[in-house]
């Protein structure tokens, strides 16, 4: 039996790609939901403008795009780990941990209110807690073994 990612099926009979896509979309939607809740609660969500002086409000579509884009980068790394490392799951988890930590550098360095920074940090964490475990579960522990399938609910 082939252990190529396209040939592997999970216990639910679903290719890992579907779980990863669902995680990517869910992570982006969770970040956008946190953003909308923060705006509704009165957070200004202002950051320095890219051009010129002043500030600009973070757009919800920007939150969706950046969260989904970051997840796609992670997905590419997961695929690379599957193909080129002897322990894909461990490689992915190491990359994801470092990536998450590095994602907080701009949050800390940006000239914004404490509330804006807190919401941005929460958005990063929301995407991480959704995407990292799902991607990890769809990757094999060792290069020659199939990925562990998500356990179906009982």
N, C-alpha and C. Protein backbone atom coordinates (compact mmCIF):
# COMPACT_ATOMS: atom_id res chain seq x y z
N UNK A 1 0.85 -1.19 0.00
CA UNK A 1 0.00 0.00 0.00
C UNK A 1 0.88 1.23 0.00
N UNK A 2 0.56 2.16 -0.83
CA UNK A 2 1.33 3.40 -0.92
C UNK A 2 1.02 4.31 0.26
N UNK A 3 2.05 5.00 0.73
CA UNK A 3 1.83 5.96 1.82
C UNK A 3 1.93 7.39 1.32
N UNK A 4 1.83 7.56 0.00
CA UNK A 4 1.85 8.92 -0.54
C UNK A 4 0.66 9.68 0.04
N UNK A 5 0.83 10.97 0.29
CA UNK A 5 -0.24 11.75 0.91
C UNK A 5 -1.58 11.63 0.18
N UNK A 6 -1.54 11.56 -1.15
CA UNK A 6 -2.78 11.48 -1.89
C UNK A 6 -3.47 10.12 -1.69
N UNK A 7 -2.69 9.07 -1.41
CA UNK A 7 -3.24 7.73 -1.27
C UNK A 7 -3.72 7.43 0.15
N UNK A 8 -3.21 8.14 1.12
CA UNK A 8 -3.60 7.87 2.50
C UNK A 8 -5.02 8.33 2.75
N UNK A 9 -5.73 7.55 3.49
CA UNK A 9 -7.06 7.95 3.93
C UNK A 9 -7.09 7.89 5.45
N UNK A 10 -7.83 8.76 6.03
CA UNK A 10 -7.98 8.76 7.48
C UNK A 10 -9.06 7.77 7.86
N UNK A 11 -9.27 7.61 9.15
CA UNK A 11 -10.29 6.70 9.64
C UNK A 11 -11.68 7.11 9.16
N UNK A 12 -11.85 8.36 8.87
CA UNK A 12 -13.15 8.84 8.39
C UNK A 12 -13.27 8.72 6.88
N UNK A 13 -12.26 8.13 6.23
CA UNK A 13 -12.29 7.95 4.79
C UNK A 13 -12.04 9.22 4.01
N UNK A 14 -11.39 10.17 4.64
CA UNK A 14 -11.16 11.46 4.01
C UNK A 14 -9.67 11.68 3.81
N UNK A 15 -9.27 12.13 2.64
CA UNK A 15 -7.85 12.42 2.44
C UNK A 15 -7.40 13.55 3.38
N UNK A 16 -6.13 13.52 3.80
CA UNK A 16 -5.63 14.57 4.71
C UNK A 16 -5.83 15.98 4.17
N UNK A 17 -5.87 16.13 2.85
CA UNK A 17 -6.03 17.45 2.26
C UNK A 17 -7.33 18.11 2.72
N UNK A 18 -8.38 17.35 2.83
CA UNK A 18 -9.66 17.93 3.26
C UNK A 18 -9.60 18.44 4.69
N UNK A 19 -8.94 17.66 5.55
CA UNK A 19 -8.79 18.11 6.94
C UNK A 19 -7.94 19.38 7.00
N UNK A 20 -6.89 19.42 6.20
CA UNK A 20 -6.01 20.60 6.20
C UNK A 20 -6.75 21.82 5.67
N UNK A 21 -7.52 21.65 4.61
CA UNK A 21 -8.28 22.77 4.07
C UNK A 21 -9.31 23.26 5.08
N UNK A 22 -9.99 22.35 5.71
CA UNK A 22 -10.97 22.73 6.73
C UNK A 22 -10.29 23.49 7.88
N UNK A 23 -9.12 23.04 8.29
CA UNK A 23 -8.38 23.73 9.35
C UNK A 23 -7.96 25.12 8.90
N UNK A 24 -7.49 25.24 7.66
CA UNK A 24 -7.04 26.54 7.15
C UNK A 24 -8.20 27.54 7.12
N UNK A 25 -9.32 27.11 6.61
CA UNK A 25 -10.50 27.98 6.54
C UNK A 25 -11.00 28.30 7.95
N UNK A 26 -11.06 27.29 8.81
CA UNK A 26 -11.54 27.51 10.18
C UNK A 26 -10.64 28.47 10.95
N UNK A 27 -9.33 28.33 10.78
CA UNK A 27 -8.40 29.24 11.45
C UNK A 27 -8.59 30.68 11.01
N UNK A 28 -8.73 30.87 9.70
CA UNK A 28 -8.94 32.22 9.17
C UNK A 28 -10.27 32.80 9.66
N UNK A 29 -11.31 31.98 9.67
CA UNK A 29 -12.61 32.46 10.14
C UNK A 29 -12.59 32.77 11.64
N UNK A 30 -11.86 31.99 12.41
CA UNK A 30 -11.76 32.25 13.86
C UNK A 30 -11.05 33.58 14.10
N UNK A 31 -9.98 33.83 13.36
CA UNK A 31 -9.26 35.10 13.50
C UNK A 31 -10.16 36.27 13.11
N UNK A 32 -10.91 36.11 12.02
CA UNK A 32 -11.83 37.18 11.59
C UNK A 32 -12.94 37.40 12.60
N UNK A 33 -13.43 36.32 13.19
CA UNK A 33 -14.48 36.45 14.20
C UNK A 33 -13.96 37.22 15.41
N UNK A 34 -12.74 36.92 15.85
CA UNK A 34 -12.15 37.65 16.97
C UNK A 34 -12.00 39.12 16.62
N UNK A 35 -11.62 39.40 15.40
CA UNK A 35 -11.47 40.77 14.94
C UNK A 35 -12.81 41.51 14.98
N UNK A 36 -13.86 40.88 14.46
CA UNK A 36 -15.17 41.51 14.43
C UNK A 36 -15.72 41.72 15.84
N UNK A 37 -15.50 40.76 16.71
CA UNK A 37 -15.93 40.90 18.11
C UNK A 37 -15.20 42.06 18.77
N UNK A 38 -13.90 42.17 18.51
CA UNK A 38 -13.12 43.26 19.09
C UNK A 38 -13.62 44.61 18.60
N UNK A 39 -13.92 44.70 17.30
CA UNK A 39 -14.46 45.95 16.76
C UNK A 39 -15.82 46.28 17.37
N UNK A 40 -16.66 45.27 17.52
CA UNK A 40 -17.98 45.49 18.11
C UNK A 40 -17.88 45.90 19.57
N UNK A 41 -16.83 45.45 20.24
CA UNK A 41 -16.63 45.80 21.65
C UNK A 41 -15.95 47.16 21.82
N UNK A 42 -15.61 47.79 20.71
CA UNK A 42 -15.05 49.13 20.79
C UNK A 42 -13.55 49.24 20.56
N UNK A 43 -12.88 48.14 20.27
CA UNK A 43 -11.45 48.22 19.97
C UNK A 43 -11.26 48.95 18.64
N UNK A 44 -10.30 49.84 18.58
CA UNK A 44 -10.09 50.61 17.35
C UNK A 44 -9.33 49.82 16.30
N UNK A 45 -8.47 48.92 16.72
CA UNK A 45 -7.67 48.09 15.82
C UNK A 45 -6.89 48.95 14.81
N UNK A 46 -6.23 49.97 15.34
CA UNK A 46 -5.43 50.87 14.52
C UNK A 46 -3.96 50.49 14.60
N UNK A 47 -3.31 50.53 13.45
CA UNK A 47 -1.87 50.29 13.35
C UNK A 47 -1.26 51.38 12.49
N UNK A 48 0.06 51.57 12.57
CA UNK A 48 0.68 52.60 11.72
C UNK A 48 0.43 52.31 10.23
N UNK A 49 0.17 53.38 9.48
CA UNK A 49 -0.07 53.24 8.05
C UNK A 49 1.23 52.83 7.35
N UNK A 50 1.09 52.06 6.28
CA UNK A 50 2.27 51.63 5.53
C UNK A 50 2.94 52.80 4.83
N UNK A 51 2.16 53.69 4.27
CA UNK A 51 2.71 54.84 3.56
C UNK A 51 2.32 56.11 4.29
N UNK A 52 3.26 56.98 4.47
CA UNK A 52 2.97 58.24 5.11
C UNK A 52 2.84 58.11 6.61
N UNK A 53 2.25 59.13 7.19
CA UNK A 53 2.08 59.15 8.63
C UNK A 53 0.64 58.83 8.98
N UNK A 54 0.41 58.61 10.23
CA UNK A 54 -0.93 58.33 10.68
C UNK A 54 -1.15 56.84 10.93
N UNK A 55 -2.41 56.51 11.07
CA UNK A 55 -2.75 55.12 11.36
C UNK A 55 -3.82 54.65 10.39
N UNK A 56 -4.01 53.35 10.34
CA UNK A 56 -5.08 52.78 9.54
C UNK A 56 -5.71 51.65 10.33
N UNK A 57 -6.99 51.44 10.10
CA UNK A 57 -7.68 50.36 10.79
C UNK A 57 -7.42 49.05 10.06
N UNK A 58 -7.18 48.00 10.83
CA UNK A 58 -6.98 46.68 10.24
C UNK A 58 -8.33 46.22 9.69
N UNK A 59 -8.35 45.85 8.43
CA UNK A 59 -9.59 45.42 7.78
C UNK A 59 -9.82 43.93 8.03
N UNK A 60 -11.07 43.56 8.16
CA UNK A 60 -11.41 42.16 8.39
C UNK A 60 -10.94 41.29 7.23
N UNK A 61 -11.07 41.78 6.02
CA UNK A 61 -10.60 41.01 4.87
C UNK A 61 -9.09 40.81 4.94
N UNK A 62 -8.38 41.78 5.48
CA UNK A 62 -6.94 41.63 5.68
C UNK A 62 -6.61 40.55 6.70
N UNK A 63 -7.43 40.47 7.74
CA UNK A 63 -7.25 39.42 8.75
C UNK A 63 -7.46 38.06 8.10
N UNK A 64 -8.55 37.92 7.34
CA UNK A 64 -8.84 36.65 6.66
C UNK A 64 -7.70 36.26 5.72
N UNK A 65 -7.27 37.22 4.91
CA UNK A 65 -6.23 36.93 3.91
C UNK A 65 -4.90 36.57 4.57
N UNK A 66 -4.50 37.31 5.59
CA UNK A 66 -3.21 37.03 6.21
C UNK A 66 -3.24 35.72 6.99
N UNK A 67 -4.34 35.42 7.66
CA UNK A 67 -4.44 34.15 8.40
C UNK A 67 -4.44 32.98 7.43
N UNK A 68 -5.21 33.09 6.36
CA UNK A 68 -5.27 32.00 5.39
C UNK A 68 -3.93 31.87 4.66
N UNK A 69 -3.32 33.00 4.32
CA UNK A 69 -2.01 32.97 3.65
C UNK A 69 -0.94 32.33 4.51
N UNK A 70 -0.92 32.67 5.79
CA UNK A 70 0.07 32.07 6.70
C UNK A 70 -0.16 30.57 6.81
N UNK A 71 -1.42 30.17 6.83
CA UNK A 71 -1.73 28.74 6.89
C UNK A 71 -1.28 28.03 5.62
N UNK A 72 -1.42 28.66 4.47
CA UNK A 72 -0.95 28.04 3.23
C UNK A 72 0.56 27.87 3.23
N UNK A 73 1.28 28.82 3.81
CA UNK A 73 2.73 28.66 3.95
C UNK A 73 3.03 27.46 4.83
N UNK A 74 2.31 27.36 5.94
CA UNK A 74 2.48 26.21 6.82
C UNK A 74 2.15 24.91 6.12
N UNK A 75 1.14 24.91 5.28
CA UNK A 75 0.76 23.72 4.54
C UNK A 75 1.89 23.31 3.60
N UNK A 76 2.49 24.28 2.94
CA UNK A 76 3.62 23.99 2.05
C UNK A 76 4.78 23.37 2.83
N UNK A 77 5.02 23.89 4.01
CA UNK A 77 6.08 23.32 4.85
C UNK A 77 5.72 21.90 5.27
N UNK A 78 4.46 21.67 5.61
CA UNK A 78 4.01 20.32 5.98
C UNK A 78 4.22 19.35 4.82
N UNK A 79 3.89 19.78 3.62
CA UNK A 79 4.11 18.93 2.43
C UNK A 79 5.60 18.66 2.24
N UNK A 80 6.42 19.68 2.42
CA UNK A 80 7.86 19.49 2.32
C UNK A 80 8.37 18.52 3.37
N UNK A 81 7.85 18.64 4.58
CA UNK A 81 8.24 17.72 5.66
C UNK A 81 7.86 16.29 5.31
N UNK A 82 6.69 16.11 4.69
CA UNK A 82 6.25 14.77 4.27
C UNK A 82 7.21 14.15 3.27
N UNK A 83 7.69 14.97 2.37
CA UNK A 83 8.50 14.45 1.28
C UNK A 83 9.99 14.34 1.61
N UNK A 84 10.49 15.25 2.47
CA UNK A 84 11.94 15.35 2.58
C UNK A 84 12.52 15.09 3.96
N UNK A 85 11.72 14.80 4.95
CA UNK A 85 12.27 14.57 6.29
C UNK A 85 11.92 13.16 6.77
N UNK A 86 12.77 12.58 7.60
CA UNK A 86 12.48 11.24 8.10
C UNK A 86 11.37 11.22 9.15
N UNK A 87 11.12 12.35 9.80
CA UNK A 87 10.06 12.44 10.81
C UNK A 87 9.19 13.67 10.52
N UNK A 88 8.26 13.52 9.58
CA UNK A 88 7.47 14.68 9.14
C UNK A 88 6.69 15.38 10.25
N UNK A 89 6.08 14.62 11.13
CA UNK A 89 5.26 15.25 12.18
C UNK A 89 6.14 16.08 13.11
N UNK A 90 7.26 15.54 13.53
CA UNK A 90 8.17 16.28 14.41
C UNK A 90 8.72 17.53 13.71
N UNK A 91 9.05 17.40 12.44
CA UNK A 91 9.57 18.55 11.68
C UNK A 91 8.50 19.64 11.59
N UNK A 92 7.26 19.24 11.30
CA UNK A 92 6.17 20.21 11.22
C UNK A 92 5.95 20.91 12.55
N UNK A 93 5.91 20.14 13.63
CA UNK A 93 5.66 20.73 14.94
C UNK A 93 6.77 21.71 15.33
N UNK A 94 8.01 21.38 14.99
CA UNK A 94 9.12 22.30 15.29
C UNK A 94 8.97 23.59 14.48
N UNK A 95 8.67 23.46 13.19
CA UNK A 95 8.47 24.65 12.36
C UNK A 95 7.30 25.48 12.87
N UNK A 96 6.21 24.82 13.20
CA UNK A 96 5.01 25.53 13.66
C UNK A 96 5.28 26.28 14.96
N UNK A 97 6.01 25.66 15.88
CA UNK A 97 6.32 26.32 17.15
C UNK A 97 7.19 27.56 16.92
N UNK A 98 8.20 27.42 16.10
CA UNK A 98 9.07 28.56 15.80
C UNK A 98 8.29 29.64 15.06
N UNK A 99 7.48 29.23 14.09
CA UNK A 99 6.68 30.19 13.34
C UNK A 99 5.71 30.96 14.22
N UNK A 100 5.08 30.25 15.15
CA UNK A 100 4.15 30.92 16.07
C UNK A 100 4.89 31.93 16.94
N UNK A 101 6.02 31.53 17.47
CA UNK A 101 6.80 32.46 18.30
C UNK A 101 7.23 33.68 17.49
N UNK A 102 7.70 33.47 16.27
CA UNK A 102 8.13 34.59 15.44
C UNK A 102 6.96 35.49 15.04
N UNK A 103 5.77 34.94 14.98
CA UNK A 103 4.61 35.75 14.59
C UNK A 103 4.28 36.80 15.64
N UNK A 104 4.78 36.62 16.86
CA UNK A 104 4.52 37.60 17.90
C UNK A 104 5.48 38.78 17.87
N UNK A 105 6.57 38.69 17.10
CA UNK A 105 7.53 39.80 17.03
C UNK A 105 6.85 41.08 16.54
N UNK A 106 6.12 41.07 15.42
CA UNK A 106 5.46 42.31 15.00
C UNK A 106 4.38 42.76 15.97
N UNK A 107 3.71 41.82 16.61
CA UNK A 107 2.67 42.18 17.58
C UNK A 107 3.29 42.98 18.72
N UNK A 108 4.46 42.57 19.16
CA UNK A 108 5.15 43.25 20.25
C UNK A 108 5.75 44.57 19.78
N UNK A 109 6.29 44.57 18.56
CA UNK A 109 7.02 45.74 18.06
C UNK A 109 6.14 46.84 17.50
N UNK A 110 4.91 46.53 17.15
CA UNK A 110 4.05 47.52 16.48
C UNK A 110 3.63 48.63 17.44
N UNK A 111 3.47 49.81 16.89
CA UNK A 111 3.01 50.95 17.68
C UNK A 111 1.48 50.95 17.69
N UNK A 112 0.91 50.26 18.69
CA UNK A 112 -0.54 50.14 18.79
C UNK A 112 -0.93 50.09 20.26
N UNK A 113 -2.21 50.23 20.51
CA UNK A 113 -2.69 50.16 21.89
C UNK A 113 -2.53 48.74 22.43
N UNK A 114 -2.58 48.64 23.73
CA UNK A 114 -2.50 47.32 24.35
C UNK A 114 -3.63 46.40 23.93
N UNK A 115 -4.81 46.97 23.77
CA UNK A 115 -5.96 46.17 23.35
C UNK A 115 -5.77 45.64 21.93
N UNK A 116 -5.29 46.49 21.05
CA UNK A 116 -5.05 46.05 19.67
C UNK A 116 -4.01 44.93 19.66
N UNK A 117 -2.96 45.09 20.42
CA UNK A 117 -1.94 44.04 20.50
C UNK A 117 -2.51 42.75 21.06
N UNK A 118 -3.34 42.86 22.08
CA UNK A 118 -3.93 41.67 22.69
C UNK A 118 -4.82 40.94 21.68
N UNK A 119 -5.61 41.68 20.91
CA UNK A 119 -6.48 41.06 19.92
C UNK A 119 -5.64 40.40 18.83
N UNK A 120 -4.59 41.07 18.38
CA UNK A 120 -3.71 40.48 17.37
C UNK A 120 -3.07 39.19 17.89
N UNK A 121 -2.62 39.20 19.13
CA UNK A 121 -2.02 38.00 19.72
C UNK A 121 -3.06 36.89 19.81
N UNK A 122 -4.28 37.24 20.21
CA UNK A 122 -5.34 36.24 20.29
C UNK A 122 -5.62 35.64 18.91
N UNK A 123 -5.61 36.46 17.88
CA UNK A 123 -5.84 35.96 16.53
C UNK A 123 -4.76 34.95 16.13
N UNK A 124 -3.52 35.26 16.45
CA UNK A 124 -2.42 34.33 16.14
C UNK A 124 -2.62 33.01 16.87
N UNK A 125 -3.00 33.10 18.14
CA UNK A 125 -3.21 31.88 18.93
C UNK A 125 -4.40 31.07 18.43
N UNK A 126 -5.47 31.74 18.04
CA UNK A 126 -6.64 31.03 17.51
C UNK A 126 -6.28 30.22 16.26
N UNK A 127 -5.58 30.86 15.34
CA UNK A 127 -5.18 30.14 14.13
C UNK A 127 -4.28 28.96 14.51
N UNK A 128 -3.35 29.18 15.41
CA UNK A 128 -2.41 28.13 15.80
C UNK A 128 -3.10 26.94 16.45
N UNK A 129 -4.02 27.20 17.37
CA UNK A 129 -4.65 26.07 18.07
C UNK A 129 -5.58 25.27 17.16
N UNK A 130 -5.99 25.85 16.07
CA UNK A 130 -6.81 25.11 15.10
C UNK A 130 -5.92 24.39 14.10
N UNK A 131 -4.97 25.09 13.52
CA UNK A 131 -4.19 24.54 12.40
C UNK A 131 -3.10 23.56 12.84
N UNK A 132 -2.35 23.90 13.85
CA UNK A 132 -1.19 23.07 14.22
C UNK A 132 -1.58 21.63 14.55
N UNK A 133 -2.55 21.39 15.42
CA UNK A 133 -2.88 19.99 15.72
C UNK A 133 -3.45 19.22 14.53
N UNK A 134 -4.27 19.89 13.71
CA UNK A 134 -4.86 19.20 12.56
C UNK A 134 -3.77 18.81 11.57
N UNK A 135 -2.90 19.74 11.24
CA UNK A 135 -1.81 19.41 10.32
C UNK A 135 -0.94 18.30 10.90
N UNK A 136 -0.65 18.37 12.18
CA UNK A 136 0.19 17.35 12.81
C UNK A 136 -0.47 15.97 12.71
N UNK A 137 -1.78 15.91 12.95
CA UNK A 137 -2.47 14.62 12.91
C UNK A 137 -2.54 14.04 11.50
N UNK A 138 -2.41 14.87 10.48
CA UNK A 138 -2.46 14.37 9.11
C UNK A 138 -1.08 14.01 8.57
N UNK A 139 -0.05 14.22 9.38
CA UNK A 139 1.31 13.87 8.96
C UNK A 139 1.75 12.58 9.62
N UNK A 140 2.49 11.74 8.90
CA UNK A 140 3.01 10.52 9.53
C UNK A 140 4.10 10.84 10.53
N UNK A 141 4.21 9.98 11.55
CA UNK A 141 5.30 10.15 12.52
C UNK A 141 6.64 9.91 11.85
N UNK A 142 6.71 8.85 11.08
CA UNK A 142 7.93 8.48 10.35
C UNK A 142 7.63 8.51 8.86
N UNK A 143 8.67 8.69 8.06
CA UNK A 143 8.49 8.84 6.62
C UNK A 143 7.76 7.65 5.98
N UNK A 144 7.94 6.46 6.51
CA UNK A 144 7.33 5.28 5.90
C UNK A 144 6.00 4.89 6.47
N UNK A 145 5.49 5.59 7.47
CA UNK A 145 4.24 5.18 8.12
C UNK A 145 3.10 6.12 7.72
N UNK A 146 1.88 5.59 7.69
CA UNK A 146 0.75 6.46 7.38
C UNK A 146 0.47 7.42 8.53
N UNK A 147 -0.19 8.50 8.20
CA UNK A 147 -0.54 9.49 9.23
C UNK A 147 -1.56 8.88 10.19
N UNK A 148 -1.49 9.33 11.42
CA UNK A 148 -2.50 8.91 12.38
C UNK A 148 -3.81 9.55 12.00
N UNK A 149 -4.83 8.76 11.96
CA UNK A 149 -6.13 9.28 11.58
C UNK A 149 -6.81 9.91 12.78
N UNK A 150 -7.53 10.98 12.57
CA UNK A 150 -8.30 11.56 13.67
C UNK A 150 -9.26 10.51 14.21
N UNK A 151 -9.40 10.47 15.50
CA UNK A 151 -10.28 9.51 16.13
C UNK A 151 -11.72 9.96 15.96
N UNK A 152 -12.57 9.08 15.40
CA UNK A 152 -13.96 9.49 15.23
C UNK A 152 -14.64 9.63 16.58
N UNK A 153 -15.59 10.55 16.69
CA UNK A 153 -16.28 10.73 17.97
C UNK A 153 -17.06 9.48 18.33
N UNK A 154 -17.17 9.23 19.62
CA UNK A 154 -17.91 8.04 20.07
C UNK A 154 -19.25 8.42 20.64
